[in-house]
Protein backbone atom coordinates (compact mmCIF):
# COMPACT_ATOMS: atom_id res chain seq x y z
CA MET A 1 -12.73 5.84 10.12
CA THR A 2 -14.93 2.83 10.79
CA PRO A 3 -14.55 -0.81 9.68
CA THR A 4 -15.64 -1.20 6.06
CA PRO A 5 -17.15 -4.44 4.71
CA ILE A 6 -15.75 -5.23 1.25
CA PRO A 7 -18.02 -7.12 -1.18
CA SER A 8 -15.57 -9.44 -2.87
CA VAL A 9 -14.99 -12.69 -4.65
CA PRO A 10 -12.35 -15.20 -3.52
CA ARG A 11 -8.77 -13.91 -3.69
CA SER A 12 -9.75 -10.35 -4.62
CA ILE A 13 -10.53 -6.90 -3.29
CA SER A 14 -12.93 -5.03 -5.53
CA VAL A 15 -11.74 -2.08 -7.60
CA GLU A 16 -14.76 -0.14 -6.38
CA ASP A 17 -13.74 -0.60 -2.74
CA THR A 18 -10.19 0.50 -3.44
CA GLN A 19 -11.45 3.61 -5.24
CA ALA A 20 -13.88 4.40 -2.41
CA HIS A 21 -11.13 3.98 0.18
CA HIS A 22 -8.80 6.31 -1.73
CA LEU A 23 -11.54 8.93 -1.95
CA GLN A 24 -12.16 8.60 1.78
CA LEU A 25 -8.46 9.18 2.46
CA LEU A 26 -8.37 12.23 0.19
CA ASN A 27 -11.42 13.73 1.88
CA ALA A 28 -9.89 13.13 5.31
CA ALA A 29 -6.72 14.92 4.20
CA GLN A 30 -8.55 18.16 3.42
CA PRO A 31 -7.56 21.00 5.78
CA ALA A 32 -11.11 21.42 7.03
CA LEU A 33 -11.31 17.79 8.09
CA GLY A 34 -7.87 17.38 9.63
CA THR A 35 -4.24 17.36 8.58
CA SER A 36 -3.72 13.61 8.41
CA PRO A 37 -5.96 10.56 8.00
CA SER A 38 -3.74 8.58 10.37
CA ALA A 39 -1.68 9.56 13.38
CA ARG A 40 -0.76 6.20 14.90
CA PRO A 41 2.83 6.39 16.19
CA ASP A 42 3.50 2.72 15.36
CA ALA A 43 2.26 3.00 11.77
CA PRO A 44 5.74 3.55 10.22
CA ALA A 45 7.01 0.33 11.79
CA LEU A 46 4.00 -1.67 10.58
CA GLN A 47 4.41 -0.24 7.07
CA THR A 48 7.61 -2.26 6.68
CA PHE A 49 5.45 -5.41 6.72
CA ASN A 50 3.01 -4.04 4.16
CA GLY A 51 1.65 -6.84 2.01
CA TYR A 52 -0.96 -9.49 1.25
CA TYR A 53 -0.55 -12.55 3.48
CA THR A 54 -2.15 -15.78 2.22
CA LEU A 55 -3.79 -17.69 5.08
CA GLY A 56 -4.47 -21.42 5.15
CA ASN A 57 -7.84 -21.19 6.93
CA ALA A 58 -9.88 -21.34 3.71
CA GLN A 59 -9.33 -21.06 -0.02
CA GLY A 60 -8.76 -17.38 -0.73
CA ALA A 61 -8.39 -16.40 2.94
CA PHE A 62 -5.94 -13.56 3.55
CA PHE A 63 -4.71 -10.85 5.88
CA ALA A 64 -3.33 -7.62 4.45
CA VAL A 65 -1.42 -4.65 5.80
CA ASP A 66 -2.51 -1.95 3.36
CA THR A 67 -0.54 1.31 3.29
CA ASN A 68 -1.61 4.33 1.25
CA MET A 69 0.48 7.45 0.68
CA VAL A 70 -1.66 10.60 0.71
CA PHE A 71 -0.57 14.05 -0.46
CA GLN A 72 -2.42 17.02 0.95
CA ALA A 73 -2.77 20.09 -1.24
CA GLY A 74 -0.07 22.65 -0.51
CA THR A 75 2.31 20.20 1.15
CA ILE A 76 5.34 18.27 -0.08
CA ALA A 77 5.70 15.58 2.59
CA PRO A 78 3.13 12.76 2.27
CA ALA A 79 0.96 11.33 5.02
CA TYR A 80 0.67 7.57 5.35
CA HIS A 81 -2.50 5.71 6.26
CA VAL A 82 -2.37 2.07 7.33
CA SER A 83 -5.33 -0.27 7.46
CA LEU A 84 -5.83 -3.99 8.03
CA ILE A 85 -7.90 -6.06 5.59
CA ILE A 86 -9.12 -9.42 6.86
CA SER A 87 -10.81 -12.31 5.09
CA LEU A 88 -10.95 -15.56 7.04
CA ASP A 89 -13.50 -17.27 4.80
CA GLY A 90 -11.99 -16.33 1.42
CA THR A 91 -15.24 -14.85 0.11
CA SER A 92 -15.74 -11.60 2.05
CA ALA A 93 -13.35 -9.10 3.58
CA THR A 94 -13.46 -6.14 5.96
CA ARG A 95 -11.08 -3.18 6.15
CA TYR A 96 -10.17 -1.96 9.64
CA PRO A 97 -8.20 1.27 10.22
CA PHE A 98 -4.99 0.57 12.13
CA THR A 99 -5.70 1.80 15.65
CA GLY A 100 -3.56 -0.62 17.63
CA SER A 101 0.12 -0.97 18.43
CA PHE A 102 3.13 -2.57 16.76
CA ASP A 103 6.53 -2.84 18.43
CA GLY A 104 8.36 -4.02 15.31
CA LYS A 105 7.38 -7.63 15.87
CA THR A 106 3.92 -8.01 17.44
CA LEU A 107 0.71 -6.42 16.16
CA HIS A 108 -1.97 -5.89 18.78
CA GLN A 109 -5.37 -4.38 17.98
CA THR A 110 -8.76 -4.62 19.65
CA SER A 111 -12.05 -2.76 19.26
CA ASP A 112 -15.28 -2.26 21.17
CA GLN A 113 -17.03 -4.20 18.41
CA GLY A 114 -15.16 -7.38 19.35
CA LEU A 115 -12.22 -7.38 16.93
CA SER A 116 -8.98 -8.79 18.30
CA VAL A 117 -5.78 -9.17 16.27
CA GLU A 118 -2.66 -10.66 17.84
CA LEU A 119 -0.04 -11.38 15.18
CA GLU A 120 3.71 -11.80 15.24
CA PHE A 121 5.67 -10.84 12.11
CA THR A 122 9.05 -12.24 11.08
CA ARG A 123 11.37 -11.83 8.11
CA ALA A 124 12.34 -14.72 5.85
CA GLY A 125 15.93 -13.62 5.23
CA ASP A 126 17.57 -13.55 1.81
CA ALA A 127 16.16 -16.82 0.47
CA TYR A 128 13.90 -16.95 -2.58
CA GLY A 129 10.17 -17.24 -1.93
CA PRO A 130 8.14 -15.61 0.85
CA VAL A 131 9.75 -12.51 2.32
CA ALA A 132 7.73 -12.30 5.54
CA PHE A 133 5.51 -14.42 7.78
CA CYS A 134 2.73 -13.71 10.24
CA SER A 135 1.23 -16.00 12.87
CA GLY A 136 -1.08 -15.69 15.83
CA SER A 137 -4.82 -15.29 16.22
CA ILE A 138 -7.67 -13.17 14.86
CA THR A 139 -11.08 -12.78 16.44
CA LEU A 140 -13.68 -11.10 14.25
CA PRO A 141 -16.68 -9.33 15.83
CA LYS A 142 -19.26 -11.81 17.13
CA GLN A 143 -17.06 -14.77 16.16
CA THR A 144 -14.69 -17.12 17.96
CA LYS A 145 -10.91 -16.79 17.96
CA VAL A 146 -9.14 -18.35 14.98
CA ASP A 147 -5.46 -19.31 14.87
CA VAL A 148 -3.81 -18.15 11.66
CA SER A 149 -0.48 -18.18 9.89
CA GLY A 150 0.39 -16.57 6.59
CA THR A 151 3.11 -15.66 4.13
CA THR A 152 3.69 -12.85 1.66
CA TYR A 153 5.89 -12.52 -1.41
CA ASN A 154 5.48 -8.73 -1.41
CA ASN A 155 8.50 -6.69 -0.48
CA PRO A 156 7.76 -3.06 0.40
CA ILE A 157 9.97 -0.53 -1.35
CA ALA A 158 10.33 3.00 -0.02
CA ALA A 159 9.18 5.64 -2.52
CA ALA A 160 12.55 7.40 -2.19
CA LEU A 161 14.28 4.43 -3.84
CA PHE A 162 12.55 5.27 -7.13
CA ALA A 163 14.04 8.79 -7.24
CA GLY A 164 16.36 9.52 -10.17
CA ASP A 165 16.45 9.93 -13.96
CA TYR A 166 15.03 7.26 -16.25
CA ILE A 167 16.76 6.88 -19.62
CA ASP A 168 15.69 5.21 -22.87
CA THR A 169 18.54 2.76 -23.53
CA ALA A 170 17.98 2.93 -27.29
CA THR A 171 18.40 6.72 -27.59
CA GLY A 172 20.19 7.64 -24.38
CA LYS A 173 17.61 10.35 -23.77
CA LYS A 174 15.97 11.03 -20.45
CA VAL A 175 12.28 10.14 -20.48
CA MET A 176 11.33 10.67 -16.85
CA ARG A 177 12.62 12.05 -13.56
CA ILE A 178 11.32 11.33 -10.07
CA GLY A 179 12.62 13.96 -7.69
CA SER A 180 13.53 13.51 -4.04
CA ASP A 181 10.38 15.53 -3.27
CA ASN A 182 8.26 12.97 -5.21
CA GLN A 183 7.68 15.41 -8.08
CA LEU A 184 7.47 13.87 -11.58
CA GLN A 185 8.86 15.17 -14.87
CA TYR A 186 8.31 13.62 -18.32
CA ALA A 187 9.87 14.26 -21.71
CA PRO A 188 7.02 14.53 -24.27
CA GLY A 189 7.70 12.67 -27.51
CA ASN A 190 10.90 11.16 -26.11
CA THR A 191 12.70 14.46 -26.79
CA GLY A 192 14.78 14.41 -23.63
CA ASP A 193 13.21 17.72 -22.61
CA LEU A 194 11.88 17.02 -19.12
CA GLN A 195 8.77 18.94 -18.12
CA PRO A 196 6.93 18.98 -14.78
CA VAL A 197 3.79 16.85 -14.53
CA THR A 198 1.02 19.06 -13.17
CA HIS A 199 -1.89 16.64 -13.48
CA TYR A 200 -2.57 13.00 -14.29
CA GLY A 201 -4.65 11.37 -17.01
CA ASN A 202 -4.30 8.36 -19.28
CA LEU A 203 -0.54 7.64 -19.12
CA SER A 204 -0.81 5.15 -22.00
CA LYS A 205 -1.38 8.11 -24.34
CA LEU A 206 1.83 9.90 -23.38
CA PRO A 207 4.11 9.93 -26.49
CA ASN A 208 7.27 9.27 -24.52
CA LEU A 209 5.88 5.99 -23.18
CA GLN A 210 5.42 4.48 -26.63
CA GLY A 211 8.06 2.59 -28.56
CA LEU A 212 10.62 2.38 -25.77
CA ASN A 213 12.77 -0.74 -25.92
CA ALA A 214 14.00 -0.44 -22.35
CA VAL A 215 14.39 2.17 -19.66
CA THR A 216 17.14 2.37 -17.07
CA ARG A 217 17.44 4.55 -14.00
CA ASP A 218 20.35 6.92 -13.52
CA LEU A 219 20.73 8.02 -9.89
């Protein structure tokens, strides 16, 4: 995958770009095109710092570690693809596939086109506010090196933590189940009768998602 310019307005990534990127990942996951869109050994470690880091270089400037979970037809275990999205001017952004290295603290990535990313990531601890920081330098192709520092309020949550039964507190009935294998089940009409979800559409039209006062999770 090659770097992808993202037409954008300050502080945003276009919906069209996100959709195009997801389609690209799905196409890359097809058996004829390869078994995984990403095979970087350091990707799992970098995923723990997934998030949108606000930079102080310009209004709307940001650096993002963007992780997408991709399911290939006929498999249960997902593949993860990590990319870096960079906007130093706050008005345009470019997505770069993660092809570098990350040792749990320092991200290093260069390219023949002139990209150089040298960032150190740290945790903020248990205090309220930002949950992670990044600092270092970024050199975009055909540009000079820029020192950057950023923060994120995003806290990545492993998909496995969502597994369990979800119960309507008003009726005590189960409305949804997320299995350990990431399979979904819903109870149509809030009947408590869980049924496998075989395809996805407009979730707002599902009967069991209407009129619920609150939903709790039962592990």
